[in-house]
Every structure is written in structure tokens, then in C-alpha cells.
Amino acid sequence: MKNGQTYPSTAFQLNKTSMMTGAVLFGTGGLIGLIGVIVSGTALAAACRQWFRELDVPPTEAVKHKWGQTKAASAAGAAAWQQHDGVQRTHA
């Protein structure tokens, strides 16, 4: 092109109405999703509370019992390990 000649305008243009509509729909979808999370979370929490109430043994007692079993099994395993010196014994 020659000096002083202008180039065709190729400016980036957005349709503001479409952008605003998209933003509103995106925000509305996010709000609906948030409400869904709150409703399902509330239902899950209520179900967990009901399940805990119906247990024969409260969860804290069950954990204490399992912890006691774990400690006893660990002590028995350690004692057996210490008694065994690595030599295979045969009974005659």
C-alpha cells in the first residue's frame, strides 16, 4: 500500500446485550448450583445425625474399643517378634 493510505478497520467488537445475557445466566446457574449444594448437604447431615442416633455403640466408644484392640494386637506382635531370634526351631 502507498504512504498515507488507510487500512480497513478490523476492530474487535462485542455484542453487549449477548454478553450481559450470558453473565446473568451464568450467575443464575451458579446461584442455583449453590442452593443445590446447600439442600443436599443439609439432607446428608440430617441422615448422618439420624444414623449416629440409631447406632448401638456411640462412635467415640467404637473408636476407643478398636484402638484398644489395635494396641493389644501390636503388643502381641512385638512380643512374638522379640521371642523369635531368627533361628528356625524343630521339635524332635
PDB file of N, CA and C in Angstrom:
ATOM      1  N   MET A   1       0.838  -1.167   0.000  1.00  0.00           N
ATOM      2  CA  MET A   1       0.000   0.000   0.000  1.00  0.00           C
ATOM      3  C   MET A   1       0.893   1.243   0.000  1.00  0.00           C
ATOM      4  N   LYS A   2       0.330   2.300  -0.478  1.00  0.00           N
ATOM      5  CA  LYS A   2       1.080   3.546  -0.596  1.00  0.00           C
ATOM      6  C   LYS A   2       1.050   4.315   0.719  1.00  0.00           C
ATOM      7  N   ASN A   3       2.003   5.164   0.928  1.00  0.00           N
ATOM      8  CA  ASN A   3       2.036   6.013   2.120  1.00  0.00           C
ATOM      9  C   ASN A   3       0.789   6.888   2.190  1.00  0.00           C
ATOM     10  N   GLY A   4       0.254   6.997   3.446  1.00  0.00           N
ATOM     11  CA  GLY A   4      -0.918   7.841   3.652  1.00  0.00           C
ATOM     12  C   GLY A   4      -2.226   7.118   3.410  1.00  0.00           C
ATOM     13  N   GLN A   5      -2.145   5.908   2.911  1.00  0.00           N
ATOM     14  CA  GLN A   5      -3.367   5.159   2.649  1.00  0.00           C
ATOM     15  C   GLN A   5      -3.803   4.472   3.943  1.00  0.00           C
ATOM     16  N   THR A   6      -5.076   4.444   4.254  1.00  0.00           N
ATOM     17  CA  THR A   6      -5.587   3.838   5.488  1.00  0.00           C
ATOM     18  C   THR A   6      -5.912   2.378   5.267  1.00  0.00           C
ATOM     19  N   TYR A   7      -5.771   1.645   6.356  1.00  0.00           N
ATOM     20  CA  TYR A   7      -6.077   0.213   6.322  1.00  0.00           C
ATOM     21  C   TYR A   7      -7.521   0.011   6.748  1.00  0.00           C
ATOM     22  N   PRO A   8      -8.146  -1.052   6.296  1.00  0.00           N
ATOM     23  CA  PRO A   8      -9.530  -1.291   6.718  1.00  0.00           C
ATOM     24  C   PRO A   8      -9.585  -1.571   8.224  1.00  0.00           C
ATOM     25  N   SER A   9     -10.617  -1.100   8.871  1.00  0.00           N
ATOM     26  CA  SER A   9     -10.776  -1.260  10.323  1.00  0.00           C
ATOM     27  C   SER A   9     -11.295  -2.665  10.637  1.00  0.00           C
ATOM     28  N   THR A  10     -10.537  -3.390  11.468  1.00  0.00           N
ATOM     29  CA  THR A  10     -10.959  -4.729  11.898  1.00  0.00           C
ATOM     30  C   THR A  10     -10.990  -4.754  13.416  1.00  0.00           C
ATOM     31  N   ALA A  11     -11.653  -3.800  14.027  1.00  0.00           N
ATOM     32  CA  ALA A  11     -11.709  -3.700  15.485  1.00  0.00           C
ATOM     33  C   ALA A  11     -12.511  -4.851  16.063  1.00  0.00           C
ATOM     34  N   PHE A  12     -12.087  -5.269  17.220  1.00  0.00           N
ATOM     35  CA  PHE A  12     -12.770  -6.336  17.954  1.00  0.00           C
ATOM     36  C   PHE A  12     -14.006  -5.736  18.619  1.00  0.00           C
ATOM     37  N   GLN A  13     -15.196  -6.258  18.292  1.00  0.00           N
ATOM     38  CA  GLN A  13     -16.427  -5.703  18.836  1.00  0.00           C
ATOM     39  C   GLN A  13     -17.257  -6.811  19.458  1.00  0.00           C
ATOM     40  N   LEU A  14     -17.769  -6.536  20.636  1.00  0.00           N
ATOM     41  CA  LEU A  14     -18.633  -7.485  21.338  1.00  0.00           C
ATOM     42  C   LEU A  14     -20.069  -7.005  21.289  1.00  0.00           C
ATOM     43  N   ASN A  15     -20.969  -7.962  21.254  1.00  0.00           N
ATOM     44  CA  ASN A  15     -22.381  -7.635  21.373  1.00  0.00           C
ATOM     45  C   ASN A  15     -22.671  -7.529  22.867  1.00  0.00           C
ATOM     46  N   LYS A  16     -22.867  -6.317  23.366  1.00  0.00           N
ATOM     47  CA  LYS A  16     -23.038  -6.100  24.802  1.00  0.00           C
ATOM     48  C   LYS A  16     -24.283  -6.775  25.349  1.00  0.00           C
ATOM     49  N   THR A  17     -25.329  -6.836  24.573  1.00  0.00           N
ATOM     50  CA  THR A  17     -26.561  -7.486  25.030  1.00  0.00           C
ATOM     51  C   THR A  17     -26.319  -8.975  25.260  1.00  0.00           C
ATOM     52  N   SER A  18     -25.642  -9.617  24.329  1.00  0.00           N
ATOM     53  CA  SER A  18     -25.346 -11.045  24.482  1.00  0.00           C
ATOM     54  C   SER A  18     -24.417 -11.289  25.663  1.00  0.00           C
ATOM     55  N   MET A  19     -23.442 -10.425  25.865  1.00  0.00           N
ATOM     56  CA  MET A  19     -22.528 -10.558  26.993  1.00  0.00           C
ATOM     57  C   MET A  19     -23.266 -10.418  28.323  1.00  0.00           C
ATOM     58  N   MET A  20     -24.146  -9.444  28.411  1.00  0.00           N
ATOM     59  CA  MET A  20     -24.912  -9.246  29.644  1.00  0.00           C
ATOM     60  C   MET A  20     -25.853 -10.427  29.892  1.00  0.00           C
ATOM     61  N   THR A  21     -26.502 -10.907  28.845  1.00  0.00           N
ATOM     62  CA  THR A  21     -27.396 -12.056  28.987  1.00  0.00           C
ATOM     63  C   THR A  21     -26.610 -13.282  29.456  1.00  0.00           C
ATOM     64  N   GLY A  22     -25.452 -13.511  28.873  1.00  0.00           N
ATOM     65  CA  GLY A  22     -24.605 -14.635  29.289  1.00  0.00           C
ATOM     66  C   GLY A  22     -24.159 -14.511  30.725  1.00  0.00           C
ATOM     67  N   ALA A  23     -23.780 -13.309  31.152  1.00  0.00           N
ATOM     68  CA  ALA A  23     -23.347 -13.101  32.534  1.00  0.00           C
ATOM     69  C   ALA A  23     -24.488 -13.353  33.509  1.00  0.00           C
ATOM     70  N   VAL A  24     -25.685 -12.879  33.167  1.00  0.00           N
ATOM     71  CA  VAL A  24     -26.847 -13.095  34.038  1.00  0.00           C
ATOM     72  C   VAL A  24     -27.168 -14.586  34.129  1.00  0.00           C
ATOM     73  N   LEU A  25     -27.144 -15.279  32.997  1.00  0.00           N
ATOM     74  CA  LEU A  25     -27.420 -16.720  33.010  1.00  0.00           C
ATOM     75  C   LEU A  25     -26.359 -17.486  33.796  1.00  0.00           C
ATOM     76  N   PHE A  26     -25.097 -17.083  33.644  1.00  0.00           N
ATOM     77  CA  PHE A  26     -24.009 -17.723  34.382  1.00  0.00           C
ATOM     78  C   PHE A  26     -24.191 -17.511  35.883  1.00  0.00           C
ATOM     79  N   GLY A  27     -24.504 -16.302  36.291  1.00  0.00           N
ATOM     80  CA  GLY A  27     -24.737 -16.010  37.709  1.00  0.00           C
ATOM     81  C   GLY A  27     -25.929 -16.764  38.261  1.00  0.00           C
ATOM     82  N   THR A  28     -27.000 -16.831  37.475  1.00  0.00           N
ATOM     83  CA  THR A  28     -28.198 -17.555  37.906  1.00  0.00           C
ATOM     84  C   THR A  28     -27.903 -19.044  38.056  1.00  0.00           C
ATOM     85  N   GLY A  29     -27.154 -19.605  37.118  1.00  0.00           N
ATOM     86  CA  GLY A  29     -26.780 -21.022  37.203  1.00  0.00           C
ATOM     87  C   GLY A  29     -25.918 -21.302  38.425  1.00  0.00           C
ATOM     88  N   GLY A  30     -24.990 -20.393  38.708  1.00  0.00           N
ATOM     89  CA  GLY A  30     -24.154 -20.550  39.898  1.00  0.00           C
ATOM     90  C   GLY A  30     -24.966 -20.499  41.173  1.00  0.00           C
ATOM     91  N   LEU A  31     -25.939 -19.593  41.221  1.00  0.00           N
ATOM     92  CA  LEU A  31     -26.803 -19.485  42.398  1.00  0.00           C
ATOM     93  C   LEU A  31     -27.650 -20.743  42.572  1.00  0.00           C
ATOM     94  N   ILE A  32     -28.190 -21.262  41.481  1.00  0.00           N
ATOM     95  CA  ILE A  32     -28.984 -22.496  41.555  1.00  0.00           C
ATOM     96  C   ILE A  32     -28.105 -23.656  42.014  1.00  0.00           C
ATOM     97  N   GLY A  33     -26.871 -23.727  41.506  1.00  0.00           N
ATOM     98  CA  GLY A  33     -25.944 -24.778  41.936  1.00  0.00           C
ATOM     99  C   GLY A  33     -25.621 -24.671  43.416  1.00  0.00           C
ATOM    100  N   LEU A  34     -25.400 -23.456  43.897  1.00  0.00           N
ATOM    101  CA  LEU A  34     -25.114 -23.241  45.314  1.00  0.00           C
ATOM    102  C   LEU A  34     -26.297 -23.671  46.185  1.00  0.00           C
ATOM    103  N   ILE A  35     -27.491 -23.340  45.765  1.00  0.00           N
ATOM    104  CA  ILE A  35     -28.682 -23.752  46.512  1.00  0.00           C
ATOM    105  C   ILE A  35     -28.787 -25.275  46.526  1.00  0.00           C
ATOM    106  N   GLY A  36     -28.467 -25.916  45.409  1.00  0.00           N
ATOM    107  CA  GLY A  36     -28.490 -27.382  45.350  1.00  0.00           C
ATOM    108  C   GLY A  36     -27.495 -28.010  46.310  1.00  0.00           C
ATOM    109  N   VAL A  37     -26.307 -27.425  46.405  1.00  0.00           N
ATOM    110  CA  VAL A  37     -25.294 -27.929  47.340  1.00  0.00           C
ATOM    111  C   VAL A  37     -25.774 -27.775  48.778  1.00  0.00           C
ATOM    112  N   ILE A  38     -26.384 -26.650  49.086  1.00  0.00           N
ATOM    113  CA  ILE A  38     -26.887 -26.412  50.448  1.00  0.00           C
ATOM    114  C   ILE A  38     -27.993 -27.396  50.797  1.00  0.00           C
ATOM    115  N   VAL A  39     -28.941 -27.596  49.894  1.00  0.00           N
ATOM    116  CA  VAL A  39     -30.060 -28.512  50.164  1.00  0.00           C
ATOM    117  C   VAL A  39     -29.559 -29.947  50.326  1.00  0.00           C
ATOM    118  N   SER A  40     -28.695 -30.405  49.418  1.00  0.00           N
ATOM    119  CA  SER A  40     -28.219 -31.791  49.529  1.00  0.00           C
ATOM    120  C   SER A  40     -27.298 -31.961  50.728  1.00  0.00           C
ATOM    121  N   GLY A  41     -26.505 -30.956  51.063  1.00  0.00           N
ATOM    122  CA  GLY A  41     -25.648 -31.028  52.246  1.00  0.00           C
ATOM    123  C   GLY A  41     -26.461 -31.111  53.525  1.00  0.00           C
ATOM    124  N   THR A  42     -27.548 -30.348  53.580  1.00  0.00           N
ATOM    125  CA  THR A  42     -28.432 -30.399  54.744  1.00  0.00           C
ATOM    126  C   THR A  42     -29.069 -31.778  54.881  1.00  0.00           C
ATOM    127  N   ALA A  43     -29.513 -32.348  53.767  1.00  0.00           N
ATOM    128  CA  ALA A  43     -30.112 -33.681  53.799  1.00  0.00           C
ATOM    129  C   ALA A  43     -29.092 -34.729  54.240  1.00  0.00           C
ATOM    130  N   LEU A  44     -27.852 -34.616  53.760  1.00  0.00           N
ATOM    131  CA  LEU A  44     -26.796 -35.557  54.142  1.00  0.00           C
ATOM    132  C   LEU A  44     -26.478 -35.437  55.633  1.00  0.00           C
ATOM    133  N   ALA A  45     -26.396 -34.218  56.130  1.00  0.00           N
ATOM    134  CA  ALA A  45     -26.110 -34.013  57.550  1.00  0.00           C
ATOM    135  C   ALA A  45     -27.226 -34.584  58.419  1.00  0.00           C
ATOM    136  N   ALA A  46     -28.478 -34.390  58.011  1.00  0.00           N
ATOM    137  CA  ALA A  46     -29.616 -34.932  58.773  1.00  0.00           C
ATOM    138  C   ALA A  46     -29.577 -36.460  58.779  1.00  0.00           C
ATOM    139  N   ALA A  47     -29.249 -37.064  57.648  1.00  0.00           N
ATOM    140  CA  ALA A  47     -29.163 -38.522  57.572  1.00  0.00           C
ATOM    141  C   ALA A  47     -28.038 -39.048  58.465  1.00  0.00           C
ATOM    142  N   CYS A  48     -26.903 -38.358  58.495  1.00  0.00           N
ATOM    143  CA  CYS A  48     -25.785 -38.778  59.352  1.00  0.00           C
ATOM    144  C   CYS A  48     -26.153 -38.666  60.827  1.00  0.00           C
ATOM    145  N   ARG A  49     -26.820 -37.578  61.191  1.00  0.00           N
ATOM    146  CA  ARG A  49     -27.242 -37.426  62.594  1.00  0.00           C
ATOM    147  C   ARG A  49     -28.202 -38.544  62.999  1.00  0.00           C
ATOM    148  N   GLN A  50     -29.144 -38.869  62.136  1.00  0.00           N
ATOM    149  CA  GLN A  50     -30.099 -39.945  62.413  1.00  0.00           C
ATOM    150  C   GLN A  50     -29.364 -41.280  62.533  1.00  0.00           C
ATOM    151  N   TRP A  51     -28.416 -41.534  61.666  1.00  0.00           N
ATOM    152  CA  TRP A  51     -27.665 -42.788  61.681  1.00  0.00           C
ATOM    153  C   TRP A  51     -26.865 -42.907  62.976  1.00  0.00           C
ATOM    154  N   PHE A  52     -26.214 -41.821  63.413  1.00  0.00           N
ATOM    155  CA  PHE A  52     -25.463 -41.844  64.664  1.00  0.00           C
ATOM    156  C   PHE A  52     -26.364 -42.095  65.863  1.00  0.00           C
ATOM    157  N   ARG A  53     -27.566 -41.529  65.839  1.00  0.00           N
ATOM    158  CA  ARG A  53     -28.503 -41.742  66.953  1.00  0.00           C
ATOM    159  C   ARG A  53     -28.957 -43.194  67.048  1.00  0.00           C
ATOM    160  N   GLU A  54     -29.043 -43.891  65.912  1.00  0.00           N
ATOM    161  CA  GLU A  54     -29.539 -45.266  65.893  1.00  0.00           C
ATOM    162  C   GLU A  54     -28.455 -46.309  66.158  1.00  0.00           C
ATOM    163  N   LEU A  55     -27.201 -45.900  66.235  1.00  0.00           N
ATOM    164  CA  LEU A  55     -26.120 -46.855  66.482  1.00  0.00           C
ATOM    165  C   LEU A  55     -26.227 -47.418  67.897  1.00  0.00           C
ATOM    166  N   ASP A  56     -25.894 -48.717  68.046  1.00  0.00           N
ATOM    167  CA  ASP A  56     -25.899 -49.347  69.361  1.00  0.00           C
ATOM    168  C   ASP A  56     -24.785 -48.775  70.241  1.00  0.00           C
ATOM    169  N   VAL A  57     -23.637 -48.541  69.638  1.00  0.00           N
ATOM    170  CA  VAL A  57     -22.479 -48.017  70.356  1.00  0.00           C
ATOM    171  C   VAL A  57     -22.131 -46.662  69.747  1.00  0.00           C
ATOM    172  N   PRO A  58     -21.985 -45.640  70.565  1.00  0.00           N
ATOM    173  CA  PRO A  58     -21.606 -44.331  70.004  1.00  0.00           C
ATOM    174  C   PRO A  58     -20.253 -44.416  69.295  1.00  0.00           C
ATOM    175  N   PRO A  59     -20.048 -43.593  68.278  1.00  0.00           N
ATOM    176  CA  PRO A  59     -18.792 -43.651  67.510  1.00  0.00           C
ATOM    177  C   PRO A  59     -17.546 -43.480  68.381  1.00  0.00           C
ATOM    178  N   THR A  60     -17.602 -42.637  69.407  1.00  0.00           N
ATOM    179  CA  THR A  60     -16.410 -42.454  70.251  1.00  0.00           C
ATOM    180  C   THR A  60     -16.073 -43.737  70.998  1.00  0.00           C
ATOM    181  N   GLU A  61     -17.089 -44.456  71.463  1.00  0.00           N
ATOM    182  CA  GLU A  61     -16.853 -45.722  72.156  1.00  0.00           C
ATOM    183  C   GLU A  61     -16.328 -46.776  71.186  1.00  0.00           C
ATOM    184  N   ALA A  62     -16.845 -46.801  69.970  1.00  0.00           N
ATOM    185  CA  ALA A  62     -16.371 -47.761  68.974  1.00  0.00           C
ATOM    186  C   ALA A  62     -14.897 -47.505  68.645  1.00  0.00           C
ATOM    187  N   VAL A  63     -14.524 -46.248  68.548  1.00  0.00           N
ATOM    188  CA  VAL A  63     -13.123 -45.914  68.260  1.00  0.00           C
ATOM    189  C   VAL A  63     -12.231 -46.328  69.422  1.00  0.00           C
ATOM    190  N   LYS A  64     -12.671 -46.079  70.652  1.00  0.00           N
ATOM    191  CA  LYS A  64     -11.887 -46.488  71.826  1.00  0.00           C
ATOM    192  C   LYS A  64     -11.696 -48.004  71.843  1.00  0.00           C
ATOM    193  N   HIS A  65     -12.758 -48.745  71.519  1.00  0.00           N
ATOM    194  CA  HIS A  65     -12.682 -50.205  71.501  1.00  0.00           C
ATOM    195  C   HIS A  65     -11.690 -50.682  70.432  1.00  0.00           C
ATOM    196  N   LYS A  66     -11.804 -50.124  69.222  1.00  0.00           N
ATOM    197  CA  LYS A  66     -10.891 -50.523  68.142  1.00  0.00           C
ATOM    198  C   LYS A  66      -9.451 -50.138  68.469  1.00  0.00           C
ATOM    199  N   TRP A  67      -9.255 -48.992  69.121  1.00  0.00           N
ATOM    200  CA  TRP A  67      -7.910 -48.564  69.498  1.00  0.00           C
ATOM    201  C   TRP A  67      -7.321 -49.541  70.515  1.00  0.00           C
ATOM    202  N   GLY A  68      -8.139 -50.005  71.462  1.00  0.00           N
ATOM    203  CA  GLY A  68      -7.677 -51.000  72.434  1.00  0.00           C
ATOM    204  C   GLY A  68      -7.285 -52.303  71.754  1.00  0.00           C
ATOM    205  N   GLN A  69      -8.096 -52.723  70.778  1.00  0.00           N
ATOM    206  CA  GLN A  69      -7.767 -53.937  70.024  1.00  0.00           C
ATOM    207  C   GLN A  69      -6.453 -53.761  69.256  1.00  0.00           C
ATOM    208  N   THR A  70      -6.271 -52.593  68.685  1.00  0.00           N
ATOM    209  CA  THR A  70      -5.053 -52.325  67.919  1.00  0.00           C
ATOM    210  C   THR A  70      -3.826 -52.358  68.817  1.00  0.00           C
ATOM    211  N   LYS A  71      -3.926 -51.747  69.988  1.00  0.00           N
ATOM    212  CA  LYS A  71      -2.791 -51.750  70.919  1.00  0.00           C
ATOM    213  C   LYS A  71      -2.478 -53.168  71.386  1.00  0.00           C
ATOM    214  N   ALA A  72      -3.509 -53.959  71.683  1.00  0.00           N
ATOM    215  CA  ALA A  72      -3.286 -55.336  72.132  1.00  0.00           C
ATOM    216  C   ALA A  72      -2.630 -56.168  71.030  1.00  0.00           C
ATOM    217  N   ALA A  73      -3.096 -56.016  69.802  1.00  0.00           N
ATOM    218  CA  ALA A  73      -2.517 -56.771  68.689  1.00  0.00           C
ATOM    219  C   ALA A  73      -1.066 -56.343  68.443  1.00  0.00           C
ATOM    220  N   SER A  74      -0.792 -55.048  68.564  1.00  0.00           N
ATOM    221  CA  SER A  74       0.578 -54.564  68.383  1.00  0.00           C
ATOM    222  C   SER A  74       1.501 -55.114  69.466  1.00  0.00           C
ATOM    223  N   ALA A  75       1.031 -55.128  70.708  1.00  0.00           N
ATOM    224  CA  ALA A  75       1.844 -55.642  71.812  1.00  0.00           C
ATOM    225  C   ALA A  75       2.115 -57.131  71.623  1.00  0.00           C
ATOM    226  N   ALA A  76       1.089 -57.887  71.202  1.00  0.00           N
ATOM    227  CA  ALA A  76       1.269 -59.327  70.980  1.00  0.00           C
ATOM    228  C   ALA A  76       2.253 -59.572  69.835  1.00  0.00           C
ATOM    229  N   GLY A  77       2.141 -58.801  68.778  1.00  0.00           N
ATOM    230  CA  GLY A  77       3.065 -58.951  67.652  1.00  0.00           C
ATOM    231  C   GLY A  77       4.493 -58.605  68.047  1.00  0.00           C
ATOM    232  N   ALA A  78       4.657 -57.544  68.823  1.00  0.00           N
ATOM    233  CA  ALA A  78       6.000 -57.153  69.265  1.00  0.00           C
ATOM    234  C   ALA A  78       6.601 -58.214  70.174  1.00  0.00           C
ATOM    235  N   ALA A  79       5.799 -58.784  71.072  1.00  0.00           N
ATOM    236  CA  ALA A  79       6.298 -59.822  71.976  1.00  0.00           C
ATOM    237  C   ALA A  79       6.714 -61.064  71.187  1.00  0.00           C
ATOM    238  N   ALA A  80       5.905 -61.447  70.219  1.00  0.00           N
ATOM    239  CA  ALA A  80       6.239 -62.614  69.395  1.00  0.00           C
ATOM    240  C   ALA A  80       7.512 -62.346  68.597  1.00  0.00           C
ATOM    241  N   TRP A  81       7.674 -61.146  68.099  1.00  0.00           N
ATOM    242  CA  TRP A  81       8.866 -60.790  67.327  1.00  0.00           C
ATOM    243  C   TRP A  81      10.117 -60.844  68.199  1.00  0.00           C
ATOM    244  N   GLN A  82      10.009 -60.360  69.440  1.00  0.00           N
ATOM    245  CA  GLN A  82      11.158 -60.352  70.337  1.00  0.00           C
ATOM    246  C   GLN A  82      11.539 -61.760  70.791  1.00  0.00           C
ATOM    247  N   GLN A  83      10.558 -62.644  70.923  1.00  0.00           N
ATOM    248  CA  GLN A  83      10.850 -64.007  71.361  1.00  0.00           C
ATOM    249  C   GLN A  83      11.498 -64.830  70.255  1.00  0.00           C
ATOM    250  N   HIS A  84      11.250 -64.478  69.029  1.00  0.00           N
ATOM    251  CA  HIS A  84      11.792 -65.210  67.887  1.00  0.00           C
ATOM    252  C   HIS A  84      13.155 -64.623  67.555  1.00  0.00           C
ATOM    253  N   ASP A  85      14.221 -65.469  67.606  1.00  0.00           N
ATOM    254  CA  ASP A  85      15.571 -64.963  67.371  1.00  0.00           C
ATOM    255  C   ASP A  85      16.053 -65.156  65.939  1.00  0.00           C
ATOM    256  N   GLY A  86      15.171 -65.545  65.047  1.00  0.00           N
ATOM    257  CA  GLY A  86      15.552 -65.716  63.655  1.00  0.00           C
ATOM    258  C   GLY A  86      16.004 -67.097  63.308  1.00  0.00           C
ATOM    259  N   VAL A  87      16.091 -68.011  64.264  1.00  0.00           N
ATOM    260  CA  VAL A  87      16.531 -69.372  64.023  1.00  0.00           C
ATOM    261  C   VAL A  87      15.294 -70.258  63.970  1.00  0.00           C
ATOM    262  N   GLN A  88      15.214 -71.073  62.937  1.00  0.00           N
ATOM    263  CA  GLN A  88      14.081 -71.975  62.779  1.00  0.00           C
ATOM    264  C   GLN A  88      14.277 -73.147  63.706  1.00  0.00           C
ATOM    265  N   ARG A  89      13.369 -73.377  64.613  1.00  0.00           N
ATOM    266  CA  ARG A  89      13.485 -74.472  65.578  1.00  0.00           C
ATOM    267  C   ARG A  89      12.638 -75.645  65.108  1.00  0.00           C
ATOM    268  N   THR A  90      13.169 -76.840  65.315  1.00  0.00           N
ATOM    269  CA  THR A  90      12.419 -78.045  65.011  1.00  0.00           C
ATOM    270  C   THR A  90      12.246 -78.823  66.292  1.00  0.00           C
ATOM    271  N   HIS A  91      11.110 -79.398  66.446  1.00  0.00           N
ATOM    272  CA  HIS A  91      10.825 -80.207  67.648  1.00  0.00           C
ATOM    273  C   HIS A  91      11.065 -81.669  67.307  1.00  0.00           C
ATOM    274  N   ALA A  92      11.839 -82.352  68.143  1.00  0.00           N
ATOM    275  CA  ALA A  92      12.167 -83.742  67.880  1.00  0.00           C
ATOM    276  C   ALA A  92      11.329 -84.670  68.719  1.00  0.00           C
TER     277      ALA A  92
END
